[in-house]
């Protein structure tokens, strides 16, 4: 019990003095906001507009070969739109966004989903930790945050929490939402993580988590909000089973660290 309390305390958001000195006028000019999409024409305009109002001025939509008007709507809303590389699937979109980030000059990379479930303004609490030098990677926990009614069904909450606790325990840490869509990376963290990830689909979050913890990067978790999605979900029952397969695969295997010693 003492260990559990200590681990939970370790991952709570610390008190940061002079927050306004860290977040200057709520304009994140040193941040690239990545939004992976696939057929999100119902949500993408509102999420880009909301992100702009929250202070993000460098927004990139990495599109996974949408067959609707996602790309056109995102561009009209003010985002930079590129097609993802490496193939189809969310993992390919995240990897494409990381590659693009490393080619630029931004200091931090934020990632949120493009279905309207994630709230861009909630990235601010994550930014406080990163810009204060408290963390290399910050994860937003929907489990610990406030969720809209029916935004996550009980099965999703239970399976996500179980996988998170088990994967965290693999590294002697406590986390509650490793499959979140909210991520924040420092530039040095992306430089270390990007060469190691290979996922193509929704398992990308779990792979990033085990790579990050295996690389001994400083990781923190903060509560974030979660809304009901706009449009139809792509996370089918078969994809849920696929993710469970990868969860057990990562639990059973050694930490995927390459020969560079990261």
C-alpha atoms as a PDB file:
ATOM      1  CA  UNK A   1       0.000   0.000   0.000  1.00  0.00           C
ATOM      2  CA  UNK A   2       2.832   2.416   0.819  1.00  0.00           C
ATOM      3  CA  UNK A   3       4.416   1.668  -2.554  1.00  0.00           C
ATOM      4  CA  UNK A   4       1.111   2.333  -4.351  1.00  0.00           C
ATOM      5  CA  UNK A   5       0.678   5.697  -2.588  1.00  0.00           C
ATOM      6  CA  UNK A   6       4.280   6.672  -3.314  1.00  0.00           C
ATOM      7  CA  UNK A   7       3.923   5.841  -6.988  1.00  0.00           C
ATOM      8  CA  UNK A   8       0.658   7.753  -7.291  1.00  0.00           C
ATOM      9  CA  UNK A   9       2.259  10.770  -5.617  1.00  0.00           C
ATOM     10  CA  UNK A  10       5.151  10.591  -8.049  1.00  0.00           C
ATOM     11  CA  UNK A  11       2.847  10.970 -11.036  1.00  0.00           C
ATOM     12  CA  UNK A  12       0.649  13.783  -9.746  1.00  0.00           C
ATOM     13  CA  UNK A  13       0.991  17.296 -11.072  1.00  0.00           C
ATOM     14  CA  UNK A  14       3.363  19.292  -8.834  1.00  0.00           C
ATOM     15  CA  UNK A  15       2.751  22.867  -7.800  1.00  0.00           C
ATOM     16  CA  UNK A  16       4.586  25.127 -10.256  1.00  0.00           C
ATOM     17  CA  UNK A  17       5.185  28.701  -9.143  1.00  0.00           C
ATOM     18  CA  UNK A  18       4.766  31.598 -11.509  1.00  0.00           C
ATOM     19  CA  UNK A  19       2.932  29.603 -14.150  1.00  0.00           C
ATOM     20  CA  UNK A  20       2.367  32.771 -16.154  1.00  0.00           C
ATOM     21  CA  UNK A  21       6.127  33.128 -16.515  1.00  0.00           C
ATOM     22  CA  UNK A  22       6.261  29.676 -18.088  1.00  0.00           C
ATOM     23  CA  UNK A  23       3.271  30.015 -20.420  1.00  0.00           C
ATOM     24  CA  UNK A  24       3.713  33.379 -22.146  1.00  0.00           C
ATOM     25  CA  UNK A  25       0.396  34.877 -23.233  1.00  0.00           C
ATOM     26  CA  UNK A  26      -0.873  31.377 -23.982  1.00  0.00           C
ATOM     27  CA  UNK A  27       0.838  31.401 -27.380  1.00  0.00           C
ATOM     28  CA  UNK A  28       2.846  28.251 -27.877  1.00  0.00           C
ATOM     29  CA  UNK A  29       5.182  29.420 -30.626  1.00  0.00           C
ATOM     30  CA  UNK A  30       7.771  26.791 -29.708  1.00  0.00           C
ATOM     31  CA  UNK A  31       5.285  23.902 -29.964  1.00  0.00           C
ATOM     32  CA  UNK A  32       4.194  21.769 -32.913  1.00  0.00           C
ATOM     33  CA  UNK A  33       0.698  20.355 -32.425  1.00  0.00           C
ATOM     34  CA  UNK A  34       0.187  17.097 -34.322  1.00  0.00           C
ATOM     35  CA  UNK A  35      -3.307  15.832 -35.140  1.00  0.00           C
ATOM     36  CA  UNK A  36      -3.444  12.429 -36.913  1.00  0.00           C
ATOM     37  CA  UNK A  37      -6.668  11.985 -38.908  1.00  0.00           C
ATOM     38  CA  UNK A  38      -8.627   9.508 -40.987  1.00  0.00           C
ATOM     39  CA  UNK A  39     -12.057  10.546 -42.274  1.00  0.00           C
ATOM     40  CA  UNK A  40     -12.664  13.142 -39.551  1.00  0.00           C
ATOM     41  CA  UNK A  41     -14.507  15.779 -41.603  1.00  0.00           C
ATOM     42  CA  UNK A  42     -17.133  16.142 -38.864  1.00  0.00           C
ATOM     43  CA  UNK A  43     -14.605  17.065 -36.176  1.00  0.00           C
ATOM     44  CA  UNK A  44     -11.425  18.418 -37.714  1.00  0.00           C
ATOM     45  CA  UNK A  45     -12.539  22.023 -38.262  1.00  0.00           C
ATOM     46  CA  UNK A  46     -13.673  22.481 -34.676  1.00  0.00           C
ATOM     47  CA  UNK A  47     -10.585  20.839 -33.191  1.00  0.00           C
ATOM     48  CA  UNK A  48      -8.188  22.974 -35.291  1.00  0.00           C
ATOM     49  CA  UNK A  49     -10.119  26.153 -34.482  1.00  0.00           C
ATOM     50  CA  UNK A  50     -10.208  25.259 -30.784  1.00  0.00           C
ATOM     51  CA  UNK A  51      -6.473  24.594 -30.795  1.00  0.00           C
ATOM     52  CA  UNK A  52      -5.804  27.983 -32.400  1.00  0.00           C
ATOM     53  CA  UNK A  53      -7.926  29.714 -29.756  1.00  0.00           C
ATOM     54  CA  UNK A  54      -5.937  27.845 -27.090  1.00  0.00           C
ATOM     55  CA  UNK A  55      -2.707  29.420 -28.336  1.00  0.00           C
ATOM     56  CA  UNK A  56      -1.328  26.861 -30.805  1.00  0.00           C
ATOM     57  CA  UNK A  57      -0.055  28.614 -33.909  1.00  0.00           C
ATOM     58  CA  UNK A  58       1.831  25.684 -35.469  1.00  0.00           C
ATOM     59  CA  UNK A  59      -0.678  22.914 -36.200  1.00  0.00           C
ATOM     60  CA  UNK A  60      -0.084  20.003 -38.534  1.00  0.00           C
ATOM     61  CA  UNK A  61      -2.747  17.525 -39.588  1.00  0.00           C
ATOM     62  CA  UNK A  62      -1.217  14.240 -40.755  1.00  0.00           C
ATOM     63  CA  UNK A  63      -3.912  12.545 -42.776  1.00  0.00           C
ATOM     64  CA  UNK A  64      -4.133   8.795 -43.236  1.00  0.00           C
ATOM     65  CA  UNK A  65      -5.586   8.759 -46.755  1.00  0.00           C
ATOM     66  CA  UNK A  66      -9.054  10.079 -45.903  1.00  0.00           C
ATOM     67  CA  UNK A  67     -11.766   9.518 -48.488  1.00  0.00           C
ATOM     68  CA  UNK A  68     -13.929  12.384 -47.238  1.00  0.00           C
ATOM     69  CA  UNK A  69     -13.126  16.130 -47.036  1.00  0.00           C
ATOM     70  CA  UNK A  70     -10.878  15.999 -43.951  1.00  0.00           C
ATOM     71  CA  UNK A  71      -7.812  17.448 -45.673  1.00  0.00           C
ATOM     72  CA  UNK A  72      -9.646  20.318 -47.347  1.00  0.00           C
ATOM     73  CA  UNK A  73     -11.515  21.270 -44.175  1.00  0.00           C
ATOM     74  CA  UNK A  74      -8.369  21.141 -42.032  1.00  0.00           C
ATOM     75  CA  UNK A  75      -6.443  23.330 -44.473  1.00  0.00           C
ATOM     76  CA  UNK A  76      -9.284  25.846 -44.654  1.00  0.00           C
ATOM     77  CA  UNK A  77      -9.298  26.001 -40.843  1.00  0.00           C
ATOM     78  CA  UNK A  78      -5.628  27.011 -40.832  1.00  0.00           C
ATOM     79  CA  UNK A  79      -3.711  23.748 -40.303  1.00  0.00           C
ATOM     80  CA  UNK A  80      -0.804  22.522 -42.389  1.00  0.00           C
ATOM     81  CA  UNK A  81      -1.919  19.247 -43.962  1.00  0.00           C
ATOM     82  CA  UNK A  82       0.349  16.423 -45.111  1.00  0.00           C
ATOM     83  CA  UNK A  83      -0.335  12.816 -46.065  1.00  0.00           C
ATOM     84  CA  UNK A  84       1.202  10.221 -43.802  1.00  0.00           C
ATOM     85  CA  UNK A  85       4.112   8.024 -44.800  1.00  0.00           C
ATOM     86  CA  UNK A  86       5.008   4.412 -43.937  1.00  0.00           C
ATOM     87  CA  UNK A  87       1.531   3.021 -44.743  1.00  0.00           C
ATOM     88  CA  UNK A  88      -1.954   3.119 -43.265  1.00  0.00           C
ATOM     89  CA  UNK A  89      -2.879   3.298 -39.597  1.00  0.00           C
ATOM     90  CA  UNK A  90      -2.550   5.754 -36.712  1.00  0.00           C
ATOM     91  CA  UNK A  91       0.964   4.616 -35.899  1.00  0.00           C
ATOM     92  CA  UNK A  92       2.133   5.627 -39.355  1.00  0.00           C
ATOM     93  CA  UNK A  93       0.529   9.037 -38.850  1.00  0.00           C
ATOM     94  CA  UNK A  94       2.290   9.591 -35.523  1.00  0.00           C
ATOM     95  CA  UNK A  95       5.630   8.494 -36.956  1.00  0.00           C
ATOM     96  CA  UNK A  96       5.162  10.829 -39.928  1.00  0.00           C
ATOM     97  CA  UNK A  97       4.397  13.700 -37.545  1.00  0.00           C
ATOM     98  CA  UNK A  98       7.520  12.968 -35.491  1.00  0.00           C
ATOM     99  CA  UNK A  99       9.637  12.909 -38.637  1.00  0.00           C
ATOM    100  CA  UNK A 100       8.193  16.269 -39.681  1.00  0.00           C
ATOM    101  CA  UNK A 101       8.791  17.691 -36.202  1.00  0.00           C
ATOM    102  CA  UNK A 102      12.470  16.727 -36.253  1.00  0.00           C
ATOM    103  CA  UNK A 103      12.886  18.512 -39.570  1.00  0.00           C
ATOM    104  CA  UNK A 104      11.707  21.783 -37.983  1.00  0.00           C
ATOM    105  CA  UNK A 105      12.785  23.963 -35.068  1.00  0.00           C
ATOM    106  CA  UNK A 106       9.986  23.534 -32.510  1.00  0.00           C
ATOM    107  CA  UNK A 107      11.074  22.602 -28.992  1.00  0.00           C
ATOM    108  CA  UNK A 108       8.024  20.524 -28.036  1.00  0.00           C
ATOM    109  CA  UNK A 109       5.683  18.137 -29.831  1.00  0.00           C
ATOM    110  CA  UNK A 110       2.066  17.777 -28.675  1.00  0.00           C
ATOM    111  CA  UNK A 111      -0.258  15.101 -30.041  1.00  0.00           C
ATOM    112  CA  UNK A 112      -4.055  14.891 -29.788  1.00  0.00           C
ATOM    113  CA  UNK A 113      -6.647  12.855 -31.659  1.00  0.00           C
ATOM    114  CA  UNK A 114      -8.620  14.392 -34.491  1.00  0.00           C
ATOM    115  CA  UNK A 115     -12.066  13.089 -33.531  1.00  0.00           C
ATOM    116  CA  UNK A 116     -12.966  15.893 -31.130  1.00  0.00           C
ATOM    117  CA  UNK A 117     -12.580  13.808 -27.962  1.00  0.00           C
ATOM    118  CA  UNK A 118      -9.415  15.573 -26.782  1.00  0.00           C
ATOM    119  CA  UNK A 119      -9.503  19.161 -25.503  1.00  0.00           C
ATOM    120  CA  UNK A 120      -6.578  21.275 -26.777  1.00  0.00           C
ATOM    121  CA  UNK A 121      -6.639  23.668 -23.811  1.00  0.00           C
ATOM    122  CA  UNK A 122      -5.909  20.744 -21.473  1.00  0.00           C
ATOM    123  CA  UNK A 123      -2.468  20.483 -23.040  1.00  0.00           C
ATOM    124  CA  UNK A 124      -1.572  23.614 -21.068  1.00  0.00           C
ATOM    125  CA  UNK A 125      -1.153  21.684 -17.805  1.00  0.00           C
ATOM    126  CA  UNK A 126       1.126  19.295 -19.663  1.00  0.00           C
ATOM    127  CA  UNK A 127       3.107  22.201 -21.114  1.00  0.00           C
ATOM    128  CA  UNK A 128       3.733  23.626 -17.641  1.00  0.00           C
ATOM    129  CA  UNK A 129       5.579  20.471 -16.609  1.00  0.00           C
ATOM    130  CA  UNK A 130       7.612  20.233 -19.810  1.00  0.00           C
ATOM    131  CA  UNK A 131       8.574  23.894 -20.079  1.00  0.00           C
ATOM    132  CA  UNK A 132       9.525  23.937 -16.406  1.00  0.00           C
ATOM    133  CA  UNK A 133      11.945  21.081 -17.081  1.00  0.00           C
ATOM    134  CA  UNK A 134       9.982  18.675 -14.887  1.00  0.00           C
ATOM    135  CA  UNK A 135       9.478  16.011 -17.577  1.00  0.00           C
ATOM    136  CA  UNK A 136      10.706  14.800 -20.966  1.00  0.00           C
ATOM    137  CA  UNK A 137       7.329  13.248 -21.775  1.00  0.00           C
ATOM    138  CA  UNK A 138       3.905  14.074 -20.355  1.00  0.00           C
ATOM    139  CA  UNK A 139       0.877  11.807 -20.760  1.00  0.00           C
ATOM    140  CA  UNK A 140      -2.689  12.990 -20.281  1.00  0.00           C
ATOM    141  CA  UNK A 141      -4.861  10.608 -18.272  1.00  0.00           C
ATOM    142  CA  UNK A 142      -8.518  10.474 -19.273  1.00  0.00           C
ATOM    143  CA  UNK A 143      -9.084   7.993 -16.458  1.00  0.00           C
ATOM    144  CA  UNK A 144      -8.067  10.516 -13.788  1.00  0.00           C
ATOM    145  CA  UNK A 145      -9.685  13.487 -15.543  1.00  0.00           C
ATOM    146  CA  UNK A 146     -13.274  14.545 -16.090  1.00  0.00           C
ATOM    147  CA  UNK A 147     -15.064  12.636 -18.852  1.00  0.00           C
ATOM    148  CA  UNK A 148     -18.304  13.447 -20.583  1.00  0.00           C
ATOM    149  CA  UNK A 149     -21.095  11.004 -19.896  1.00  0.00           C
ATOM    150  CA  UNK A 150     -20.730   7.967 -22.162  1.00  0.00           C
ATOM    151  CA  UNK A 151     -17.483   9.300 -23.622  1.00  0.00           C
ATOM    152  CA  UNK A 152     -15.842   6.011 -22.576  1.00  0.00           C
ATOM    153  CA  UNK A 153     -17.851   2.878 -21.938  1.00  0.00           C
ATOM    154  CA  UNK A 154     -17.105   0.757 -18.840  1.00  0.00           C
ATOM    155  CA  UNK A 155     -15.288  -1.881 -20.900  1.00  0.00           C
ATOM    156  CA  UNK A 156     -12.927   0.738 -22.358  1.00  0.00           C
ATOM    157  CA  UNK A 157     -12.236   2.205 -18.922  1.00  0.00           C
ATOM    158  CA  UNK A 158     -11.596  -1.198 -17.338  1.00  0.00           C
ATOM    159  CA  UNK A 159      -9.409  -2.608 -20.126  1.00  0.00           C
ATOM    160  CA  UNK A 160      -7.419   0.592 -20.490  1.00  0.00           C
ATOM    161  CA  UNK A 161      -6.803   0.870 -16.765  1.00  0.00           C
ATOM    162  CA  UNK A 162      -5.788  -2.786 -16.484  1.00  0.00           C
ATOM    163  CA  UNK A 163      -3.327  -2.560 -19.387  1.00  0.00           C
ATOM    164  CA  UNK A 164      -1.916   0.700 -18.030  1.00  0.00           C
ATOM    165  CA  UNK A 165      -1.373  -0.656 -14.541  1.00  0.00           C
ATOM    166  CA  UNK A 166       0.288  -3.819 -15.856  1.00  0.00           C
ATOM    167  CA  UNK A 167       2.600  -2.010 -18.286  1.00  0.00           C
ATOM    168  CA  UNK A 168       3.479   0.554 -15.638  1.00  0.00           C
ATOM    169  CA  UNK A 169       4.257  -2.197 -13.136  1.00  0.00           C
ATOM    170  CA  UNK A 170       6.697  -3.655 -15.657  1.00  0.00           C
ATOM    171  CA  UNK A 171       8.822  -0.569 -14.998  1.00  0.00           C
ATOM    172  CA  UNK A 172       7.959  -0.153 -11.309  1.00  0.00           C
ATOM    173  CA  UNK A 173       5.721   2.858 -12.009  1.00  0.00           C
ATOM    174  CA  UNK A 174       2.024   3.636 -11.751  1.00  0.00           C
ATOM    175  CA  UNK A 175       0.133   4.929 -14.789  1.00  0.00           C
ATOM    176  CA  UNK A 176      -3.577   4.905 -15.546  1.00  0.00           C
ATOM    177  CA  UNK A 177      -3.957   5.691 -19.262  1.00  0.00           C
ATOM    178  CA  UNK A 178      -1.135   4.567 -21.541  1.00  0.00           C
ATOM    179  CA  UNK A 179      -3.522   4.375 -24.520  1.00  0.00           C
ATOM    180  CA  UNK A 180      -4.411   8.044 -24.300  1.00  0.00           C
ATOM    181  CA  UNK A 181      -4.458  10.368 -27.292  1.00  0.00           C
ATOM    182  CA  UNK A 182      -2.783  13.160 -25.271  1.00  0.00           C
ATOM    183  CA  UNK A 183       1.022  13.222 -25.556  1.00  0.00           C
ATOM    184  CA  UNK A 184       3.727  15.836 -25.105  1.00  0.00           C
ATOM    185  CA  UNK A 185       7.398  15.300 -25.973  1.00  0.00           C
ATOM    186  CA  UNK A 186      10.490  17.449 -25.635  1.00  0.00           C
ATOM    187  CA  UNK A 187      12.694  17.601 -28.731  1.00  0.00           C
ATOM    188  CA  UNK A 188      15.308  15.380 -27.110  1.00  0.00           C
ATOM    189  CA  UNK A 189      12.612  12.809 -26.255  1.00  0.00           C
ATOM    190  CA  UNK A 190      11.409  12.654 -29.866  1.00  0.00           C
ATOM    191  CA  UNK A 191      15.007  12.275 -31.035  1.00  0.00           C
ATOM    192  CA  UNK A 192      15.360   9.220 -28.802  1.00  0.00           C
ATOM    193  CA  UNK A 193      11.925   7.676 -29.367  1.00  0.00           C
ATOM    194  CA  UNK A 194      11.372   8.145 -33.101  1.00  0.00           C
ATOM    195  CA  UNK A 195      14.128   5.780 -34.338  1.00  0.00           C
ATOM    196  CA  UNK A 196      12.770   2.974 -32.135  1.00  0.00           C
ATOM    197  CA  UNK A 197       9.058   2.879 -32.943  1.00  0.00           C
ATOM    198  CA  UNK A 198       7.634   0.682 -35.699  1.00  0.00           C
ATOM    199  CA  UNK A 199       3.893   0.479 -34.991  1.00  0.00           C
ATOM    200  CA  UNK A 200       1.432   1.036 -37.804  1.00  0.00           C
ATOM    201  CA  UNK A 201      -1.908   0.960 -35.971  1.00  0.00           C
ATOM    202  CA  UNK A 202      -3.555   1.891 -32.667  1.00  0.00           C
ATOM    203  CA  UNK A 203      -0.893   0.002 -30.715  1.00  0.00           C
ATOM    204  CA  UNK A 204       1.399   2.989 -31.237  1.00  0.00           C
ATOM    205  CA  UNK A 205       0.610   4.421 -27.782  1.00  0.00           C
ATOM    206  CA  UNK A 206       1.666   1.247 -25.998  1.00  0.00           C
ATOM    207  CA  UNK A 207       4.846   0.978 -28.036  1.00  0.00           C
ATOM    208  CA  UNK A 208       5.749   4.612 -27.325  1.00  0.00           C
ATOM    209  CA  UNK A 209       5.116   4.025 -23.626  1.00  0.00           C
ATOM    210  CA  UNK A 210       7.404   1.005 -23.300  1.00  0.00           C
ATOM    211  CA  UNK A 211      10.116   2.674 -25.404  1.00  0.00           C
ATOM    212  CA  UNK A 212       9.927   5.854 -23.310  1.00  0.00           C
ATOM    213  CA  UNK A 213      10.095   3.999 -19.991  1.00  0.00           C
ATOM    214  CA  UNK A 214      12.790   1.681 -21.306  1.00  0.00           C
ATOM    215  CA  UNK A 215      14.860   4.703 -22.304  1.00  0.00           C
ATOM    216  CA  UNK A 216      14.494   5.999 -18.728  1.00  0.00           C
ATOM    217  CA  UNK A 217      13.036   9.301 -19.861  1.00  0.00           C
ATOM    218  CA  UNK A 218      11.298  11.398 -17.231  1.00  0.00           C
ATOM    219  CA  UNK A 219       7.581  10.689 -17.676  1.00  0.00           C
ATOM    220  CA  UNK A 220       4.688  12.321 -15.842  1.00  0.00           C
ATOM    221  CA  UNK A 221       0.941  11.838 -16.047  1.00  0.00           C
ATOM    222  CA  UNK A 222      -1.668  14.560 -15.521  1.00  0.00           C
ATOM    223  CA  UNK A 223      -5.496  14.444 -15.559  1.00  0.00           C
ATOM    224  CA  UNK A 224      -7.181  15.629 -18.760  1.00  0.00           C
ATOM    225  CA  UNK A 225     -10.755  15.870 -19.979  1.00  0.00           C
ATOM    226  CA  UNK A 226     -12.404  13.628 -22.542  1.00  0.00           C
ATOM    227  CA  UNK A 227     -15.461  14.252 -24.699  1.00  0.00           C
ATOM    228  CA  UNK A 228     -17.744  12.094 -26.789  1.00  0.00           C
ATOM    229  CA  UNK A 229     -16.325  11.730 -30.272  1.00  0.00           C
ATOM    230  CA  UNK A 230     -17.759  13.328 -33.368  1.00  0.00           C
ATOM    231  CA  UNK A 231     -18.466  10.941 -36.235  1.00  0.00           C
ATOM    232  CA  UNK A 232     -18.136   7.161 -36.205  1.00  0.00           C
ATOM    233  CA  UNK A 233     -15.520   5.339 -34.173  1.00  0.00           C
ATOM    234  CA  UNK A 234     -12.829   3.347 -35.955  1.00  0.00           C
ATOM    235  CA  UNK A 235     -11.899   1.362 -32.856  1.00  0.00           C
ATOM    236  CA  UNK A 236     -13.833  -1.822 -33.573  1.00  0.00           C
ATOM    237  CA  UNK A 237     -14.043  -4.941 -31.414  1.00  0.00           C
ATOM    238  CA  UNK A 238     -11.417  -6.610 -33.610  1.00  0.00           C
ATOM    239  CA  UNK A 239      -9.073  -3.655 -33.162  1.00  0.00           C
ATOM    240  CA  UNK A 240      -9.628  -3.857 -29.405  1.00  0.00           C
ATOM    241  CA  UNK A 241      -8.588  -7.524 -29.488  1.00  0.00           C
ATOM    242  CA  UNK A 242      -5.569  -6.573 -31.595  1.00  0.00           C
ATOM    243  CA  UNK A 243      -4.545  -4.005 -29.009  1.00  0.00           C
ATOM    244  CA  UNK A 244      -4.888  -6.567 -26.225  1.00  0.00           C
ATOM    245  CA  UNK A 245      -2.600  -8.872 -28.197  1.00  0.00           C
ATOM    246  CA  UNK A 246       0.034  -6.143 -28.349  1.00  0.00           C
ATOM    247  CA  UNK A 247      -0.444  -5.348 -24.673  1.00  0.00           C
ATOM    248  CA  UNK A 248       0.406  -8.922 -23.690  1.00  0.00           C
ATOM    249  CA  UNK A 249       3.212  -8.981 -26.248  1.00  0.00           C
ATOM    250  CA  UNK A 250       4.854  -5.931 -24.637  1.00  0.00           C
ATOM    251  CA  UNK A 251       4.280  -7.336 -21.172  1.00  0.00           C
ATOM    252  CA  UNK A 252       5.932 -10.640 -22.052  1.00  0.00           C
ATOM    253  CA  UNK A 253       8.846  -9.273 -24.027  1.00  0.00           C
ATOM    254  CA  UNK A 254      11.979  -7.437 -23.101  1.00  0.00           C
ATOM    255  CA  UNK A 255      11.893  -3.676 -23.390  1.00  0.00           C
ATOM    256  CA  UNK A 256      12.360  -2.867 -27.104  1.00  0.00           C
ATOM    257  CA  UNK A 257      15.648  -0.965 -26.896  1.00  0.00           C
ATOM    258  CA  UNK A 258      18.097  -1.010 -29.784  1.00  0.00           C
ATOM    259  CA  UNK A 259      21.854  -1.233 -29.852  1.00  0.00           C
ATOM    260  CA  UNK A 260      22.394   2.503 -29.401  1.00  0.00           C
ATOM    261  CA  UNK A 261      21.965   2.003 -25.663  1.00  0.00           C
ATOM    262  CA  UNK A 262      18.925   4.287 -25.354  1.00  0.00           C
END
